[in-house]
């Protein structure tokens, strides 16, 4: 029953956001068209519900062909592939807004596990993959909140960001997404949306520590 309610909320909310954001979106489109490399949208294949691939939409923030350059699918802190206007969009999370189109057409939900590219998805343990694939991926979720500034952790392993991602980040992300699957509810989803708004407006406050006290712990990513 909740899946139907959730889909109804997804459609209504995404329509409202797209309508309100459209004037700002047009302004961003014009800037992207006449700056950088002229690319407006970045489409990337991600793994969705039941393991099916879909095209995730973002405003372009990096140079064309960036997945085949440098750290590949991983973005490190002060990544040289990020364009000047792209840095602003990423800092304000405005590059994520086209994903409301993904929500509207049903590829994604407002809240759910963060959709990953295939090679990162396949790093998850098989048992976790089966759990995560039951859910529709989301614009925000507990994994997205904890790792909202994921690139800052890669300075610990600048020379081997992919190894650090696989050995340190993936196991904890898997644990967080399993926690969400076990606790998914209307109340939890509302708290996750409110938390996302808080961290966008006040990024220095780890408000999730107060809303979700029973989260799995990790000494590196959420120290006491």
Protein backbone atom coordinates (compact mmCIF):
# COMPACT_ATOMS: atom_id res chain seq x y z
CA UNK A 1 0.00 0.00 0.00
CA UNK A 2 2.79 2.42 0.90
CA UNK A 3 4.35 1.99 -2.55
CA UNK A 4 1.21 3.49 -4.13
CA UNK A 5 1.18 6.37 -1.65
CA UNK A 6 4.87 6.94 -2.23
CA UNK A 7 4.41 7.03 -6.01
CA UNK A 8 1.55 9.53 -5.65
CA UNK A 9 3.75 11.78 -3.48
CA UNK A 10 6.63 11.41 -5.96
CA UNK A 11 4.50 12.57 -8.90
CA UNK A 12 2.88 15.52 -7.09
CA UNK A 13 6.08 16.73 -5.46
CA UNK A 14 8.21 16.41 -8.60
CA UNK A 15 5.61 18.31 -10.64
CA UNK A 16 5.61 21.11 -8.07
CA UNK A 17 9.43 21.27 -7.97
CA UNK A 18 9.79 21.22 -11.76
CA UNK A 19 7.21 24.00 -12.11
CA UNK A 20 8.78 26.21 -9.43
CA UNK A 21 12.34 25.54 -10.57
CA UNK A 22 11.74 26.01 -14.31
CA UNK A 23 12.67 29.75 -14.43
CA UNK A 24 15.96 29.04 -12.61
CA UNK A 25 16.48 25.96 -14.77
CA UNK A 26 16.22 28.03 -17.96
CA UNK A 27 18.83 30.42 -16.57
CA UNK A 28 21.17 27.50 -15.79
CA UNK A 29 20.60 26.01 -19.25
CA UNK A 30 21.60 29.30 -20.91
CA UNK A 31 24.77 29.59 -18.83
CA UNK A 32 25.76 25.99 -19.59
CA UNK A 33 25.04 26.49 -23.28
CA UNK A 34 27.38 29.46 -23.60
CA UNK A 35 30.11 28.50 -21.12
CA UNK A 36 32.40 25.54 -20.61
CA UNK A 37 31.97 22.98 -23.36
CA UNK A 38 28.36 23.82 -24.19
CA UNK A 39 26.93 20.59 -22.76
CA UNK A 40 23.67 21.08 -20.82
CA UNK A 41 22.60 17.68 -19.53
CA UNK A 42 24.73 14.77 -18.46
CA UNK A 43 23.10 11.38 -18.91
CA UNK A 44 24.65 8.45 -17.11
CA UNK A 45 23.56 4.84 -17.00
CA UNK A 46 22.68 3.84 -13.42
CA UNK A 47 21.27 0.66 -11.90
CA UNK A 48 17.64 0.99 -10.83
CA UNK A 49 14.94 -1.17 -9.32
CA UNK A 50 15.22 -4.91 -10.02
CA UNK A 51 18.68 -4.31 -11.49
CA UNK A 52 17.40 -2.55 -14.62
CA UNK A 53 19.55 0.22 -16.10
CA UNK A 54 18.15 3.72 -16.64
CA UNK A 55 19.57 7.09 -17.71
CA UNK A 56 20.05 9.42 -14.75
CA UNK A 57 19.86 13.12 -15.61
CA UNK A 58 22.03 15.89 -14.18
CA UNK A 59 23.13 19.31 -15.29
CA UNK A 60 26.60 18.96 -16.81
CA UNK A 61 29.35 20.01 -14.41
CA UNK A 62 32.43 18.29 -15.80
CA UNK A 63 34.34 18.22 -19.05
CA UNK A 64 33.00 15.96 -21.79
CA UNK A 65 34.23 12.36 -21.59
CA UNK A 66 35.22 12.82 -17.92
CA UNK A 67 34.38 9.17 -16.97
CA UNK A 68 37.28 8.09 -19.18
CA UNK A 69 39.71 10.55 -17.60
CA UNK A 70 41.41 10.67 -14.21
CA UNK A 71 39.51 8.90 -11.41
CA UNK A 72 36.77 7.71 -13.77
CA UNK A 73 33.34 7.45 -12.14
CA UNK A 74 34.68 8.77 -8.82
CA UNK A 75 34.88 12.52 -8.21
CA UNK A 76 37.71 13.55 -5.90
CA UNK A 77 38.06 16.78 -3.94
CA UNK A 78 39.08 19.71 -6.18
CA UNK A 79 38.72 17.43 -9.19
CA UNK A 80 40.30 19.21 -12.20
CA UNK A 81 37.61 17.79 -14.49
CA UNK A 82 34.92 19.95 -12.85
CA UNK A 83 34.17 23.14 -14.81
CA UNK A 84 34.03 26.56 -13.04
CA UNK A 85 30.23 26.92 -13.21
CA UNK A 86 29.97 23.22 -12.44
CA UNK A 87 31.67 23.81 -9.09
CA UNK A 88 28.91 26.23 -8.14
CA UNK A 89 26.17 23.85 -9.27
CA UNK A 90 27.70 20.96 -7.33
CA UNK A 91 28.23 23.02 -4.19
CA UNK A 92 24.58 24.13 -4.17
CA UNK A 93 23.39 20.65 -5.32
CA UNK A 94 21.64 22.36 -8.27
CA UNK A 95 23.15 19.85 -10.69
CA UNK A 96 20.82 17.24 -9.18
CA UNK A 97 17.53 18.98 -10.08
CA UNK A 98 17.00 17.29 -13.48
CA UNK A 99 16.56 14.06 -11.52
CA UNK A 100 13.05 15.24 -10.65
CA UNK A 101 12.31 14.33 -14.28
CA UNK A 102 13.54 10.82 -13.47
CA UNK A 103 11.15 10.81 -10.50
CA UNK A 104 8.23 12.03 -12.60
CA UNK A 105 8.65 9.32 -15.24
CA UNK A 106 9.10 6.63 -12.60
CA UNK A 107 12.80 5.75 -12.82
CA UNK A 108 13.42 7.09 -9.32
CA UNK A 109 11.68 8.10 -6.13
CA UNK A 110 12.24 11.12 -3.90
CA UNK A 111 13.73 8.86 -1.24
CA UNK A 112 15.61 5.62 -1.71
CA UNK A 113 19.07 4.12 -2.15
CA UNK A 114 21.36 6.23 -4.28
CA UNK A 115 21.53 4.71 -7.80
CA UNK A 116 25.04 3.64 -8.71
CA UNK A 117 26.88 3.05 -11.96
CA UNK A 118 27.10 -0.64 -12.80
CA UNK A 119 30.70 -1.25 -11.71
CA UNK A 120 30.10 0.39 -8.30
CA UNK A 121 26.78 -1.41 -7.87
CA UNK A 122 28.51 -4.73 -8.48
CA UNK A 123 30.98 -4.00 -5.64
CA UNK A 124 28.13 -4.49 -3.14
CA UNK A 125 27.86 -7.95 -1.55
CA UNK A 126 25.34 -10.12 -3.42
CA UNK A 127 23.04 -10.30 -0.40
CA UNK A 128 22.95 -6.49 -0.23
CA UNK A 129 22.32 -6.17 -3.98
CA UNK A 130 19.23 -8.36 -3.64
CA UNK A 131 17.94 -6.14 -0.82
CA UNK A 132 18.71 -2.79 -2.49
CA UNK A 133 17.22 -3.84 -5.84
CA UNK A 134 13.81 -4.29 -4.19
CA UNK A 135 13.66 -0.52 -3.80
CA UNK A 136 13.33 2.25 -6.33
CA UNK A 137 16.47 4.45 -6.17
CA UNK A 138 16.06 7.94 -4.74
CA UNK A 139 17.25 11.52 -5.17
CA UNK A 140 18.03 11.46 -1.47
CA UNK A 141 18.39 8.75 1.13
CA UNK A 142 20.44 7.86 4.14
CA UNK A 143 23.45 6.90 2.01
CA UNK A 144 23.22 10.18 0.08
CA UNK A 145 23.07 12.15 3.33
CA UNK A 146 26.03 10.45 5.02
CA UNK A 147 28.11 10.66 1.83
CA UNK A 148 26.85 14.05 0.61
CA UNK A 149 30.48 15.24 0.38
CA UNK A 150 31.92 11.90 -0.59
CA UNK A 151 34.82 13.39 -2.52
CA UNK A 152 36.37 14.87 0.63
CA UNK A 153 37.24 11.38 1.87
CA UNK A 154 39.31 10.57 -1.17
CA UNK A 155 42.17 12.83 -0.05
CA UNK A 156 43.06 9.91 2.25
CA UNK A 157 43.81 7.81 -0.82
CA UNK A 158 44.48 10.20 -3.67
CA UNK A 159 46.53 7.65 -5.56
CA UNK A 160 43.98 4.89 -5.36
CA UNK A 161 40.51 6.35 -4.97
CA UNK A 162 38.84 3.29 -6.48
CA UNK A 163 40.45 0.95 -3.93
CA UNK A 164 39.42 3.24 -1.07
CA UNK A 165 35.87 3.38 -2.43
CA UNK A 166 35.64 -0.41 -2.68
CA UNK A 167 37.29 -1.26 0.65
CA UNK A 168 35.98 1.52 2.90
CA UNK A 169 32.94 3.27 1.42
CA UNK A 170 31.08 0.40 -0.25
CA UNK A 171 30.75 -1.81 2.87
CA UNK A 172 29.34 1.05 4.93
CA UNK A 173 27.03 2.23 2.14
CA UNK A 174 25.72 -1.32 1.87
CA UNK A 175 24.98 -1.38 5.60
CA UNK A 176 23.16 1.97 5.42
CA UNK A 177 20.99 0.95 2.48
CA UNK A 178 20.03 -2.26 4.26
CA UNK A 179 19.08 -0.16 7.30
CA UNK A 180 16.77 1.91 5.09
CA UNK A 181 15.14 -1.17 3.55
CA UNK A 182 14.40 -2.50 7.04
CA UNK A 183 13.03 0.83 8.30
CA UNK A 184 11.31 2.29 5.22
CA UNK A 185 8.13 4.13 6.16
CA UNK A 186 6.31 7.39 5.49
CA UNK A 187 7.75 8.83 8.71
CA UNK A 188 11.35 7.85 7.86
CA UNK A 189 11.00 9.25 4.34
CA UNK A 190 9.72 12.59 5.66
CA UNK A 191 12.63 12.75 8.13
CA UNK A 192 15.10 12.03 5.31
CA UNK A 193 13.59 14.79 3.15
CA UNK A 194 13.72 17.26 6.06
CA UNK A 195 17.31 16.24 6.82
CA UNK A 196 18.27 16.82 3.19
CA UNK A 197 16.78 20.32 3.28
CA UNK A 198 18.64 21.07 6.52
CA UNK A 199 22.03 19.97 5.18
CA UNK A 200 21.59 21.96 1.95
CA UNK A 201 20.70 25.13 3.86
CA UNK A 202 23.05 24.50 6.83
CA UNK A 203 25.72 22.10 5.53
CA UNK A 204 27.82 22.29 8.69
CA UNK A 205 25.17 20.69 10.89
CA UNK A 206 25.00 16.88 11.02
CA UNK A 207 21.30 16.87 11.82
CA UNK A 208 20.96 13.19 10.89
CA UNK A 209 22.65 12.31 14.20
CA UNK A 210 19.60 13.65 16.01
CA UNK A 211 16.92 12.23 13.70
CA UNK A 212 18.46 8.76 13.21
CA UNK A 213 20.14 7.68 16.42
CA UNK A 214 20.02 3.97 15.56
CA UNK A 215 22.09 4.21 12.38
CA UNK A 216 24.93 1.71 11.87
CA UNK A 217 28.18 3.38 12.95
CA UNK A 218 31.52 3.79 11.21
CA UNK A 219 34.48 5.53 12.94
CA UNK A 220 35.67 7.25 9.76
CA UNK A 221 32.41 8.55 8.29
CA UNK A 222 30.37 9.37 11.38
CA UNK A 223 32.70 9.52 14.39
CA UNK A 224 31.19 10.22 17.80
